[in-house]
C-alpha atoms as a PDB file:
ATOM      1  CA  UNK A   1      90.889 102.001 110.501  1.00  0.00           C
ATOM      2  CA  UNK A   2      90.390 105.511 111.797  1.00  0.00           C
ATOM      3  CA  UNK A   3      86.991 107.187 112.224  1.00  0.00           C
ATOM      4  CA  UNK A   4      85.612 109.237 109.328  1.00  0.00           C
ATOM      5  CA  UNK A   5      82.317 110.750 108.242  1.00  0.00           C
ATOM      6  CA  UNK A   6      80.444 109.374 105.245  1.00  0.00           C
ATOM      7  CA  UNK A   7      78.338 111.220 102.683  1.00  0.00           C
ATOM      8  CA  UNK A   8      76.553 109.939  99.574  1.00  0.00           C
ATOM      9  CA  UNK A   9      75.557 113.021  97.550  1.00  0.00           C
ATOM     10  CA  UNK A  10      72.786 112.800  94.980  1.00  0.00           C
ATOM     11  CA  UNK A  11      74.049 115.482  92.608  1.00  0.00           C
ATOM     12  CA  UNK A  12      77.431 116.696  91.402  1.00  0.00           C
ATOM     13  CA  UNK A  13      77.221 120.173  92.925  1.00  0.00           C
ATOM     14  CA  UNK A  14      76.572 118.658  96.348  1.00  0.00           C
ATOM     15  CA  UNK A  15      79.593 116.347  95.925  1.00  0.00           C
ATOM     16  CA  UNK A  16      81.864 119.221  94.905  1.00  0.00           C
ATOM     17  CA  UNK A  17      80.763 121.468  97.762  1.00  0.00           C
ATOM     18  CA  UNK A  18      81.165 118.643 100.295  1.00  0.00           C
ATOM     19  CA  UNK A  19      84.647 117.803  99.015  1.00  0.00           C
ATOM     20  CA  UNK A  20      85.721 121.450  99.025  1.00  0.00           C
ATOM     21  CA  UNK A  21      84.352 122.040 102.519  1.00  0.00           C
ATOM     22  CA  UNK A  22      86.413 119.253 104.126  1.00  0.00           C
ATOM     23  CA  UNK A  23      90.165 119.452 103.365  1.00  0.00           C
ATOM     24  CA  UNK A  24      90.691 115.867 104.519  1.00  0.00           C
ATOM     25  CA  UNK A  25      87.859 114.408 102.425  1.00  0.00           C
ATOM     26  CA  UNK A  26      88.402 111.843  99.680  1.00  0.00           C
ATOM     27  CA  UNK A  27      86.137 110.573  96.931  1.00  0.00           C
ATOM     28  CA  UNK A  28      84.998 106.940  96.901  1.00  0.00           C
ATOM     29  CA  UNK A  29      84.073 105.244  93.623  1.00  0.00           C
ATOM     30  CA  UNK A  30      84.862 101.542  93.169  1.00  0.00           C
ATOM     31  CA  UNK A  31      86.987 101.555  96.313  1.00  0.00           C
ATOM     32  CA  UNK A  32      89.520  99.058  94.939  1.00  0.00           C
ATOM     33  CA  UNK A  33      92.428 101.322  95.923  1.00  0.00           C
ATOM     34  CA  UNK A  34      91.140 103.749  98.564  1.00  0.00           C
ATOM     35  CA  UNK A  35      89.722 101.034 100.841  1.00  0.00           C
ATOM     36  CA  UNK A  36      93.026  99.126 100.715  1.00  0.00           C
ATOM     37  CA  UNK A  37      94.959 102.274 101.601  1.00  0.00           C
ATOM     38  CA  UNK A  38      92.662 102.932 104.553  1.00  0.00           C
ATOM     39  CA  UNK A  39      93.081  99.377 105.795  1.00  0.00           C
ATOM     40  CA  UNK A  40      96.869  99.693 105.559  1.00  0.00           C
ATOM     41  CA  UNK A  41      96.680 102.955 107.542  1.00  0.00           C
ATOM     42  CA  UNK A  42      98.179 104.835 104.593  1.00  0.00           C
ATOM     43  CA  UNK A  43      95.120 106.953 103.720  1.00  0.00           C
ATOM     44  CA  UNK A  44      93.336 108.780 106.542  1.00  0.00           C
ATOM     45  CA  UNK A  45      90.323 110.601 105.069  1.00  0.00           C
ATOM     46  CA  UNK A  46      88.363 112.644 107.555  1.00  0.00           C
ATOM     47  CA  UNK A  47      85.343 112.241 105.273  1.00  0.00           C
ATOM     48  CA  UNK A  48      84.478 109.812 102.494  1.00  0.00           C
ATOM     49  CA  UNK A  49      82.377 111.267  99.670  1.00  0.00           C
ATOM     50  CA  UNK A  50      80.683 108.312  97.958  1.00  0.00           C
ATOM     51  CA  UNK A  51      79.826 109.435  94.412  1.00  0.00           C
ATOM     52  CA  UNK A  52      78.278 106.163  93.220  1.00  0.00           C
ATOM     53  CA  UNK A  53      74.824 107.742  93.176  1.00  0.00           C
ATOM     54  CA  UNK A  54      75.840 110.304  90.540  1.00  0.00           C
ATOM     55  CA  UNK A  55      74.918 109.925  86.831  1.00  0.00           C
ATOM     56  CA  UNK A  56      78.453 109.313  85.590  1.00  0.00           C
ATOM     57  CA  UNK A  57      78.116 105.750  84.294  1.00  0.00           C
ATOM     58  CA  UNK A  58      77.532 106.242  80.551  1.00  0.00           C
ATOM     59  CA  UNK A  59      79.718 105.728  77.492  1.00  0.00           C
ATOM     60  CA  UNK A  60      78.598 108.109  74.748  1.00  0.00           C
ATOM     61  CA  UNK A  61      79.752 108.089  71.112  1.00  0.00           C
ATOM     62  CA  UNK A  62      79.180 111.306  69.159  1.00  0.00           C
ATOM     63  CA  UNK A  63      78.801 111.755  65.400  1.00  0.00           C
ATOM     64  CA  UNK A  64      82.213 113.418  65.143  1.00  0.00           C
ATOM     65  CA  UNK A  65      83.979 110.248  66.293  1.00  0.00           C
ATOM     66  CA  UNK A  66      84.537 111.309  69.871  1.00  0.00           C
ATOM     67  CA  UNK A  67      83.803 108.925  72.738  1.00  0.00           C
ATOM     68  CA  UNK A  68      82.988 110.215  76.207  1.00  0.00           C
ATOM     69  CA  UNK A  69      83.498 107.787  79.086  1.00  0.00           C
ATOM     70  CA  UNK A  70      81.822 108.604  82.395  1.00  0.00           C
ATOM     71  CA  UNK A  71      83.985 108.528  85.502  1.00  0.00           C
ATOM     72  CA  UNK A  72      81.892 105.789  87.144  1.00  0.00           C
ATOM     73  CA  UNK A  73      81.963 103.385  84.206  1.00  0.00           C
ATOM     74  CA  UNK A  74      83.692 100.195  85.315  1.00  0.00           C
ATOM     75  CA  UNK A  75      86.849  98.941  83.665  1.00  0.00           C
ATOM     76  CA  UNK A  76      84.921  95.903  82.422  1.00  0.00           C
ATOM     77  CA  UNK A  77      82.180  98.080  80.944  1.00  0.00           C
ATOM     78  CA  UNK A  78      84.734 100.125  79.014  1.00  0.00           C
ATOM     79  CA  UNK A  79      86.815  97.149  77.862  1.00  0.00           C
ATOM     80  CA  UNK A  80      83.821  95.340  76.351  1.00  0.00           C
ATOM     81  CA  UNK A  81      81.864  98.312  75.013  1.00  0.00           C
ATOM     82  CA  UNK A  82      81.208  97.806  71.286  1.00  0.00           C
ATOM     83  CA  UNK A  83      82.267 101.347  70.323  1.00  0.00           C
ATOM     84  CA  UNK A  84      85.485 101.065  72.332  1.00  0.00           C
ATOM     85  CA  UNK A  85      86.368  97.651  70.898  1.00  0.00           C
ATOM     86  CA  UNK A  86      85.791  98.881  67.345  1.00  0.00           C
ATOM     87  CA  UNK A  87      87.221 102.399  67.499  1.00  0.00           C
ATOM     88  CA  UNK A  88      89.646 102.317  70.441  1.00  0.00           C
ATOM     89  CA  UNK A  89      90.906  98.726  70.641  1.00  0.00           C
ATOM     90  CA  UNK A  90      94.166  99.889  72.224  1.00  0.00           C
ATOM     91  CA  UNK A  91      92.202 101.133  75.239  1.00  0.00           C
ATOM     92  CA  UNK A  92      90.242  97.884  75.524  1.00  0.00           C
ATOM     93  CA  UNK A  93      93.426  95.814  75.309  1.00  0.00           C
ATOM     94  CA  UNK A  94      95.205  97.861  77.974  1.00  0.00           C
ATOM     95  CA  UNK A  95      92.320  97.492  80.409  1.00  0.00           C
ATOM     96  CA  UNK A  96      92.143  93.728  79.852  1.00  0.00           C
ATOM     97  CA  UNK A  97      95.870  93.502  80.638  1.00  0.00           C
ATOM     98  CA  UNK A  98      95.251  94.865  84.135  1.00  0.00           C
ATOM     99  CA  UNK A  99      93.997  93.425  87.409  1.00  0.00           C
ATOM    100  CA  UNK A 100      91.547  90.499  87.472  1.00  0.00           C
ATOM    101  CA  UNK A 101      88.001  90.141  86.096  1.00  0.00           C
ATOM    102  CA  UNK A 102      86.594  90.655  89.598  1.00  0.00           C
ATOM    103  CA  UNK A 103      88.505  93.908  90.075  1.00  0.00           C
ATOM    104  CA  UNK A 104      87.655  95.149  86.581  1.00  0.00           C
ATOM    105  CA  UNK A 105      83.976  94.705  87.471  1.00  0.00           C
ATOM    106  CA  UNK A 106      84.396  97.083  90.418  1.00  0.00           C
ATOM    107  CA  UNK A 107      87.178  99.530  89.477  1.00  0.00           C
ATOM    108  CA  UNK A 108      86.061 102.727  87.739  1.00  0.00           C
ATOM    109  CA  UNK A 109      87.492 104.963  85.041  1.00  0.00           C
ATOM    110  CA  UNK A 110      87.916 107.937  87.369  1.00  0.00           C
ATOM    111  CA  UNK A 111      89.369 105.782  90.106  1.00  0.00           C
ATOM    112  CA  UNK A 112      91.849 104.253  87.681  1.00  0.00           C
ATOM    113  CA  UNK A 113      93.201 107.717  86.892  1.00  0.00           C
ATOM    114  CA  UNK A 114      93.558 108.491  90.594  1.00  0.00           C
ATOM    115  CA  UNK A 115      94.978 105.207  91.885  1.00  0.00           C
ATOM    116  CA  UNK A 116      98.206 105.521  93.815  1.00  0.00           C
ATOM    117  CA  UNK A 117     101.569 103.840  93.448  1.00  0.00           C
ATOM    118  CA  UNK A 118     102.169 100.254  94.525  1.00  0.00           C
ATOM    119  CA  UNK A 119     105.636 101.063  95.920  1.00  0.00           C
ATOM    120  CA  UNK A 120     106.323  98.705  98.830  1.00  0.00           C
ATOM    121  CA  UNK A 121     107.522 101.527 101.052  1.00  0.00           C
ATOM    122  CA  UNK A 122     104.483 103.701 100.363  1.00  0.00           C
ATOM    123  CA  UNK A 123     102.293 100.862 101.630  1.00  0.00           C
ATOM    124  CA  UNK A 124     104.373 100.339 104.774  1.00  0.00           C
ATOM    125  CA  UNK A 125     103.811 103.076 107.403  1.00  0.00           C
ATOM    126  CA  UNK A 126     106.820 101.746 109.340  1.00  0.00           C
ATOM    127  CA  UNK A 127     109.211 103.018 106.626  1.00  0.00           C
ATOM    128  CA  UNK A 128     110.049 106.571 105.515  1.00  0.00           C
ATOM    129  CA  UNK A 129     108.231 107.693 102.360  1.00  0.00           C
ATOM    130  CA  UNK A 130     108.062 111.219 100.957  1.00  0.00           C
ATOM    131  CA  UNK A 131     104.893 110.372  99.058  1.00  0.00           C
ATOM    132  CA  UNK A 132     103.087 109.206 102.174  1.00  0.00           C
ATOM    133  CA  UNK A 133     104.735 111.645 104.611  1.00  0.00           C
ATOM    134  CA  UNK A 134     106.622 114.503 102.917  1.00  0.00           C
ATOM    135  CA  UNK A 135     110.077 115.214 104.268  1.00  0.00           C
ATOM    136  CA  UNK A 136     110.778 111.758 105.700  1.00  0.00           C
ATOM    137  CA  UNK A 137     112.875 110.467 102.799  1.00  0.00           C
ATOM    138  CA  UNK A 138     112.577 107.862 100.043  1.00  0.00           C
ATOM    139  CA  UNK A 139     113.340 104.355 101.258  1.00  0.00           C
ATOM    140  CA  UNK A 140     113.379 102.980  97.715  1.00  0.00           C
ATOM    141  CA  UNK A 141     116.482 105.018  96.845  1.00  0.00           C
ATOM    142  CA  UNK A 142     119.224 102.679  97.982  1.00  0.00           C
ATOM    143  CA  UNK A 143     116.635 100.110  99.040  1.00  0.00           C
ATOM    144  CA  UNK A 144     114.710  97.403  97.215  1.00  0.00           C
ATOM    145  CA  UNK A 145     113.788  99.159  93.968  1.00  0.00           C
ATOM    146  CA  UNK A 146     113.205  96.488  91.334  1.00  0.00           C
ATOM    147  CA  UNK A 147     109.791  97.876  90.354  1.00  0.00           C
ATOM    148  CA  UNK A 148     110.727 101.532  90.465  1.00  0.00           C
ATOM    149  CA  UNK A 149     111.184 104.367  87.959  1.00  0.00           C
ATOM    150  CA  UNK A 150     113.903 104.722  85.353  1.00  0.00           C
ATOM    151  CA  UNK A 151     112.528 107.972  83.860  1.00  0.00           C
ATOM    152  CA  UNK A 152     111.394 111.285  85.336  1.00  0.00           C
ATOM    153  CA  UNK A 153     112.337 110.425  88.920  1.00  0.00           C
ATOM    154  CA  UNK A 154     113.736 112.852  91.474  1.00  0.00           C
ATOM    155  CA  UNK A 155     115.838 112.598  94.608  1.00  0.00           C
ATOM    156  CA  UNK A 156     112.534 112.753  96.520  1.00  0.00           C
ATOM    157  CA  UNK A 157     110.732 109.797  94.931  1.00  0.00           C
ATOM    158  CA  UNK A 158     111.260 107.006  92.392  1.00  0.00           C
ATOM    159  CA  UNK A 159     107.762 105.485  92.545  1.00  0.00           C
ATOM    160  CA  UNK A 160     105.849 104.498  89.397  1.00  0.00           C
ATOM    161  CA  UNK A 161     102.248 104.967  88.336  1.00  0.00           C
ATOM    162  CA  UNK A 162     100.508 101.561  88.296  1.00  0.00           C
ATOM    163  CA  UNK A 163      97.710 101.956  85.743  1.00  0.00           C
ATOM    164  CA  UNK A 164      97.454 100.132  82.404  1.00  0.00           C
ATOM    165  CA  UNK A 165      94.403 102.055  81.241  1.00  0.00           C
ATOM    166  CA  UNK A 166      96.189 105.379  81.733  1.00  0.00           C
ATOM    167  CA  UNK A 167      99.068 104.325  79.492  1.00  0.00           C
ATOM    168  CA  UNK A 168      96.645 103.785  76.608  1.00  0.00           C
ATOM    169  CA  UNK A 169      94.798 107.039  77.339  1.00  0.00           C
ATOM    170  CA  UNK A 170      98.117 108.894  77.280  1.00  0.00           C
ATOM    171  CA  UNK A 171      98.938 107.426  73.872  1.00  0.00           C
ATOM    172  CA  UNK A 172      95.476 108.356  72.574  1.00  0.00           C
ATOM    173  CA  UNK A 173      95.710 112.008  73.729  1.00  0.00           C
ATOM    174  CA  UNK A 174      92.610 111.761  75.900  1.00  0.00           C
ATOM    175  CA  UNK A 175      91.134 114.719  77.756  1.00  0.00           C
ATOM    176  CA  UNK A 176      89.984 114.568  81.383  1.00  0.00           C
ATOM    177  CA  UNK A 177      86.818 116.485  82.283  1.00  0.00           C
ATOM    178  CA  UNK A 178      86.669 117.736  85.867  1.00  0.00           C
ATOM    179  CA  UNK A 179      84.268 119.874  87.883  1.00  0.00           C
ATOM    180  CA  UNK A 180      85.228 121.902  90.929  1.00  0.00           C
ATOM    181  CA  UNK A 181      84.206 124.932  92.977  1.00  0.00           C
ATOM    182  CA  UNK A 182      85.091 127.209  90.046  1.00  0.00           C
ATOM    183  CA  UNK A 183      83.129 125.150  87.520  1.00  0.00           C
ATOM    184  CA  UNK A 184      84.140 122.670  84.813  1.00  0.00           C
ATOM    185  CA  UNK A 185      87.472 122.486  83.045  1.00  0.00           C
ATOM    186  CA  UNK A 186      89.322 120.154  80.677  1.00  0.00           C
ATOM    187  CA  UNK A 187      92.784 118.779  81.403  1.00  0.00           C
ATOM    188  CA  UNK A 188      94.836 117.261  78.557  1.00  0.00           C
ATOM    189  CA  UNK A 189      95.777 113.761  79.650  1.00  0.00           C
ATOM    190  CA  UNK A 190      99.511 114.396  79.402  1.00  0.00           C
ATOM    191  CA  UNK A 191      99.069 117.258  81.877  1.00  0.00           C
ATOM    192  CA  UNK A 192      96.882 115.338  84.333  1.00  0.00           C
ATOM    193  CA  UNK A 193      99.535 113.290  86.155  1.00  0.00           C
ATOM    194  CA  UNK A 194     102.691 114.815  87.645  1.00  0.00           C
ATOM    195  CA  UNK A 195     106.323 113.837  87.902  1.00  0.00           C
ATOM    196  CA  UNK A 196     107.470 113.746  91.541  1.00  0.00           C
ATOM    197  CA  UNK A 197     109.843 116.736  91.621  1.00  0.00           C
ATOM    198  CA  UNK A 198     109.928 118.201  95.116  1.00  0.00           C
ATOM    199  CA  UNK A 199     106.296 117.254  95.828  1.00  0.00           C
ATOM    200  CA  UNK A 200     105.896 113.493  95.298  1.00  0.00           C
ATOM    201  CA  UNK A 201     102.827 113.504  97.560  1.00  0.00           C
ATOM    202  CA  UNK A 202     100.946 115.147  94.678  1.00  0.00           C
ATOM    203  CA  UNK A 203     100.050 112.612  91.978  1.00  0.00           C
ATOM    204  CA  UNK A 204      98.031 114.841  89.652  1.00  0.00           C
ATOM    205  CA  UNK A 205      97.047 118.391  88.773  1.00  0.00           C
ATOM    206  CA  UNK A 206      93.537 118.366  90.238  1.00  0.00           C
ATOM    207  CA  UNK A 207      92.736 121.492  92.248  1.00  0.00           C
ATOM    208  CA  UNK A 208      91.144 121.277  95.720  1.00  0.00           C
ATOM    209  CA  UNK A 209      87.511 120.240  95.483  1.00  0.00           C
ATOM    210  CA  UNK A 210      87.700 119.019  91.882  1.00  0.00           C
ATOM    211  CA  UNK A 211      86.135 115.708  90.842  1.00  0.00           C
ATOM    212  CA  UNK A 212      86.815 113.744  87.650  1.00  0.00           C
ATOM    213  CA  UNK A 213      83.528 113.388  85.741  1.00  0.00           C
ATOM    214  CA  UNK A 214      84.555 111.920  82.371  1.00  0.00           C
ATOM    215  CA  UNK A 215      87.312 111.132  79.895  1.00  0.00           C
ATOM    216  CA  UNK A 216      87.032 112.075  76.208  1.00  0.00           C
ATOM    217  CA  UNK A 217      88.898 110.297  73.433  1.00  0.00           C
ATOM    218  CA  UNK A 218      88.900 110.854  69.677  1.00  0.00           C
ATOM    219  CA  UNK A 219      88.380 107.503  67.971  1.00  0.00           C
ATOM    220  CA  UNK A 220      89.400 105.995  64.675  1.00  0.00           C
ATOM    221  CA  UNK A 221      92.907 106.567  63.342  1.00  0.00           C
ATOM    222  CA  UNK A 222      94.692 103.866  65.332  1.00  0.00           C
ATOM    223  CA  UNK A 223      92.130 101.059  65.187  1.00  0.00           C
ATOM    224  CA  UNK A 224      94.191  99.098  62.647  1.00  0.00           C
ATOM    225  CA  UNK A 225      97.770  99.559  63.852  1.00  0.00           C
ATOM    226  CA  UNK A 226      98.065  99.277  67.614  1.00  0.00           C
ATOM    227  CA  UNK A 227      99.351  97.034  70.392  1.00  0.00           C
ATOM    228  CA  UNK A 228      99.503  97.025  74.178  1.00  0.00           C
ATOM    229  CA  UNK A 229     102.446  94.991  75.416  1.00  0.00           C
ATOM    230  CA  UNK A 230     102.815  94.391  79.149  1.00  0.00           C
ATOM    231  CA  UNK A 231     105.867  92.722  80.690  1.00  0.00           C
ATOM    232  CA  UNK A 232     105.473  91.554  84.292  1.00  0.00           C
ATOM    233  CA  UNK A 233     106.520  88.874  86.721  1.00  0.00           C
ATOM    234  CA  UNK A 234     103.479  86.712  85.984  1.00  0.00           C
ATOM    235  CA  UNK A 235     100.949  86.732  83.178  1.00  0.00           C
ATOM    236  CA  UNK A 236      97.923  87.819  85.200  1.00  0.00           C
ATOM    237  CA  UNK A 237      97.061  90.022  88.148  1.00  0.00           C
ATOM    238  CA  UNK A 238     100.459  91.719  88.282  1.00  0.00           C
ATOM    239  CA  UNK A 239     101.583  95.288  87.740  1.00  0.00           C
ATOM    240  CA  UNK A 240     103.839  96.124  84.814  1.00  0.00           C
ATOM    241  CA  UNK A 241     107.589  96.133  85.049  1.00  0.00           C
ATOM    242  CA  UNK A 242     107.415  97.765  81.613  1.00  0.00           C
ATOM    243  CA  UNK A 243     104.386  98.287  79.411  1.00  0.00           C
ATOM    244  CA  UNK A 244     104.044  99.908  75.990  1.00  0.00           C
ATOM    245  CA  UNK A 245     100.981 101.380  74.300  1.00  0.00           C
ATOM    246  CA  UNK A 246     101.894 101.701  70.631  1.00  0.00           C
ATOM    247  CA  UNK A 247      99.696 103.267  67.953  1.00  0.00           C
ATOM    248  CA  UNK A 248     100.590 104.009  64.346  1.00  0.00           C
ATOM    249  CA  UNK A 249      98.860 105.748  61.449  1.00  0.00           C
ATOM    250  CA  UNK A 250     100.428 104.282  58.286  1.00  0.00           C
ATOM    251  CA  UNK A 251      99.738 105.177  54.664  1.00  0.00           C
ATOM    252  CA  UNK A 252     101.568 104.036  51.527  1.00  0.00           C
ATOM    253  CA  UNK A 253     104.308 102.404  53.554  1.00  0.00           C
ATOM    254  CA  UNK A 254     105.096 105.530  55.582  1.00  0.00           C
ATOM    255  CA  UNK A 255     104.300 106.568  59.143  1.00  0.00           C
ATOM    256  CA  UNK A 256     101.942 109.540  59.277  1.00  0.00           C
ATOM    257  CA  UNK A 257     101.675 109.572  63.073  1.00  0.00           C
ATOM    258  CA  UNK A 258     103.221 107.529  65.873  1.00  0.00           C
ATOM    259  CA  UNK A 259     102.202 107.361  69.512  1.00  0.00           C
ATOM    260  CA  UNK A 260     104.160 105.490  72.165  1.00  0.00           C
ATOM    261  CA  UNK A 261     103.360 105.650  75.876  1.00  0.00           C
ATOM    262  CA  UNK A 262     105.250 103.682  78.518  1.00  0.00           C
ATOM    263  CA  UNK A 263     103.993 102.312  81.824  1.00  0.00           C
ATOM    264  CA  UNK A 264     105.882 100.951  84.810  1.00  0.00           C
ATOM    265  CA  UNK A 265     108.833 103.275  84.202  1.00  0.00           C
ATOM    266  CA  UNK A 266     107.863 106.660  85.669  1.00  0.00           C
ATOM    267  CA  UNK A 267     105.648 108.526  88.129  1.00  0.00           C
ATOM    268  CA  UNK A 268     103.176 109.030  85.252  1.00  0.00           C
ATOM    269  CA  UNK A 269     102.546 107.401  81.863  1.00  0.00           C
ATOM    270  CA  UNK A 270     105.628 108.397  79.858  1.00  0.00           C
ATOM    271  CA  UNK A 271     105.411 109.990  76.400  1.00  0.00           C
ATOM    272  CA  UNK A 272     107.697 112.162  74.313  1.00  0.00           C
ATOM    273  CA  UNK A 273     105.727 113.753  71.442  1.00  0.00           C
ATOM    274  CA  UNK A 274     108.887 115.365  70.024  1.00  0.00           C
ATOM    275  CA  UNK A 275     110.536 111.957  69.703  1.00  0.00           C
ATOM    276  CA  UNK A 276     107.387 110.566  68.070  1.00  0.00           C
ATOM    277  CA  UNK A 277     107.347 113.411  65.544  1.00  0.00           C
ATOM    278  CA  UNK A 278     110.814 112.446  64.318  1.00  0.00           C
ATOM    279  CA  UNK A 279     109.520 109.220  62.752  1.00  0.00           C
ATOM    280  CA  UNK A 280     106.830 110.926  60.649  1.00  0.00           C
ATOM    281  CA  UNK A 281     107.408 110.118  56.993  1.00  0.00           C
ATOM    282  CA  UNK A 282     109.705 107.190  57.755  1.00  0.00           C
ATOM    283  CA  UNK A 283     108.998 103.540  56.945  1.00  0.00           C
ATOM    284  CA  UNK A 284     107.689 101.321  59.769  1.00  0.00           C
ATOM    285  CA  UNK A 285     110.901  99.286  60.030  1.00  0.00           C
ATOM    286  CA  UNK A 286     112.973  97.889  62.878  1.00  0.00           C
ATOM    287  CA  UNK A 287     115.622 100.584  62.339  1.00  0.00           C
ATOM    288  CA  UNK A 288     112.975 103.300  62.696  1.00  0.00           C
ATOM    289  CA  UNK A 289     111.570 101.707  65.829  1.00  0.00           C
ATOM    290  CA  UNK A 290     114.996 101.179  67.437  1.00  0.00           C
ATOM    291  CA  UNK A 291     115.864 104.837  66.857  1.00  0.00           C
ATOM    292  CA  UNK A 292     112.568 105.890  68.449  1.00  0.00           C
ATOM    293  CA  UNK A 293     113.178 103.600  71.433  1.00  0.00           C
ATOM    294  CA  UNK A 294     116.626 105.108  71.942  1.00  0.00           C
ATOM    295  CA  UNK A 295     115.194 108.619  71.886  1.00  0.00           C
ATOM    296  CA  UNK A 296     112.318 107.733  74.242  1.00  0.00           C
ATOM    297  CA  UNK A 297     114.723 106.254  76.779  1.00  0.00           C
ATOM    298  CA  UNK A 298     117.287 109.042  76.630  1.00  0.00           C
ATOM    299  CA  UNK A 299     118.131 109.955  80.197  1.00  0.00           C
ATOM    300  CA  UNK A 300     116.846 106.678  81.653  1.00  0.00           C
ATOM    301  CA  UNK A 301     118.596 105.853  84.909  1.00  0.00           C
ATOM    302  CA  UNK A 302     118.437 102.673  86.924  1.00  0.00           C
ATOM    303  CA  UNK A 303     118.595 102.465  90.702  1.00  0.00           C
ATOM    304  CA  UNK A 304     120.458  99.168  90.918  1.00  0.00           C
ATOM    305  CA  UNK A 305     117.790  96.497  91.252  1.00  0.00           C
ATOM    306  CA  UNK A 306     115.851  97.933  88.315  1.00  0.00           C
ATOM    307  CA  UNK A 307     118.735  98.492  85.873  1.00  0.00           C
ATOM    308  CA  UNK A 308     117.308  95.665  83.746  1.00  0.00           C
ATOM    309  CA  UNK A 309     114.283  97.818  82.915  1.00  0.00           C
ATOM    310  CA  UNK A 310     116.266  99.986  80.487  1.00  0.00           C
ATOM    311  CA  UNK A 311     117.138  97.269  77.946  1.00  0.00           C
ATOM    312  CA  UNK A 312     113.795  95.598  78.619  1.00  0.00           C
ATOM    313  CA  UNK A 313     111.944  98.826  77.769  1.00  0.00           C
ATOM    314  CA  UNK A 314     113.962  99.296  74.568  1.00  0.00           C
ATOM    315  CA  UNK A 315     113.099  95.809  73.345  1.00  0.00           C
ATOM    316  CA  UNK A 316     109.463  96.158  74.406  1.00  0.00           C
ATOM    317  CA  UNK A 317     109.069  99.406  72.450  1.00  0.00           C
ATOM    318  CA  UNK A 318     110.418  97.780  69.289  1.00  0.00           C
ATOM    319  CA  UNK A 319     108.268  94.678  69.809  1.00  0.00           C
ATOM    320  CA  UNK A 320     105.064  96.666  70.413  1.00  0.00           C
ATOM    321  CA  UNK A 321     105.656  98.946  67.429  1.00  0.00           C
ATOM    322  CA  UNK A 322     106.369  95.940  65.217  1.00  0.00           C
ATOM    323  CA  UNK A 323     103.123  94.310  66.353  1.00  0.00           C
ATOM    324  CA  UNK A 324     101.273  97.558  65.655  1.00  0.00           C
ATOM    325  CA  UNK A 325     102.811  98.000  62.201  1.00  0.00           C
ATOM    326  CA  UNK A 326     101.960  94.424  61.213  1.00  0.00           C
ATOM    327  CA  UNK A 327      98.419  94.723  62.542  1.00  0.00           C
ATOM    328  CA  UNK A 328      98.982  91.826  64.936  1.00  0.00           C
ATOM    329  CA  UNK A 329      98.384  93.320  68.394  1.00  0.00           C
ATOM    330  CA  UNK A 330      99.193  91.506  71.600  1.00  0.00           C
ATOM    331  CA  UNK A 331      96.161  89.443  72.611  1.00  0.00           C
ATOM    332  CA  UNK A 332      95.667  89.723  76.356  1.00  0.00           C
ATOM    333  CA  UNK A 333      93.999  86.331  76.703  1.00  0.00           C
ATOM    334  CA  UNK A 334      97.075  84.592  75.274  1.00  0.00           C
ATOM    335  CA  UNK A 335      99.516  83.403  77.917  1.00  0.00           C
ATOM    336  CA  UNK A 336     102.533  84.281  75.821  1.00  0.00           C
ATOM    337  CA  UNK A 337     104.163  87.321  74.245  1.00  0.00           C
ATOM    338  CA  UNK A 338     103.481  87.337  70.515  1.00  0.00           C
END
């Protein structure tokens, strides 16, 4: 591990100014990703800004049905919060599908948004990786790429975003609150993470010096018809090969609104609101869901080892939407796919 300075600010303005003043600084919250990256010699912060002393640990429910989740709330705190379980069960289910209980007790909401890919080559400084060292190449293209992207990739990077929580937040149209040198701003969740393009080293749209302070989500409409389905190599403590956050608003046998976000398939949680809009007014049937799956996966491209993800994703979308329509969501404590 390389030398770095350490600062534990006591207020948000101090944290922002410290982060902005040191270009090589990084924020420390739960540390479940950053500390690993430092140990692997992948991340080399010149300064670590520990924000755990800041008042960002509350979950607040407002009268208008909006829930605000502080950036330092732990994954476990969010997953088991009574308001989340009742109003946003899709979010609770997605969190419980990820990591282990020990990690969920430490990992934070803000850190979950900012966690980096689990691509083997990114974690191995001995191999070329455009995300870790721009301009060196992508070893996964033509290499071992079983876990890699089938959507939104570029010739610079085919890594995937690893979060489960973020897939649910994408489906729920969350908003990310950030504060930086120029003050606060809101970022729609679908605009927070980036596709790799020509700059795969950039995972998100945060500006220099900005810190995530909270996530806002409107509660209610999808509490009845939802499901988070995660397909992986083992049933616990594994990242998704394909995951699906499905949410439906159904009335009188017709779909009023459909939300489908995919994980494990792209550099960011994958959604296509235009494809979702096409099922409005249609019955929640297998034919409807298969047509939506086909549209969502239009343009999907395998890299050889991960070709299987395309048919797997199509079947997972139909399965998750069927579970959501029937009101029988995947139960994360069950060691089987429903």
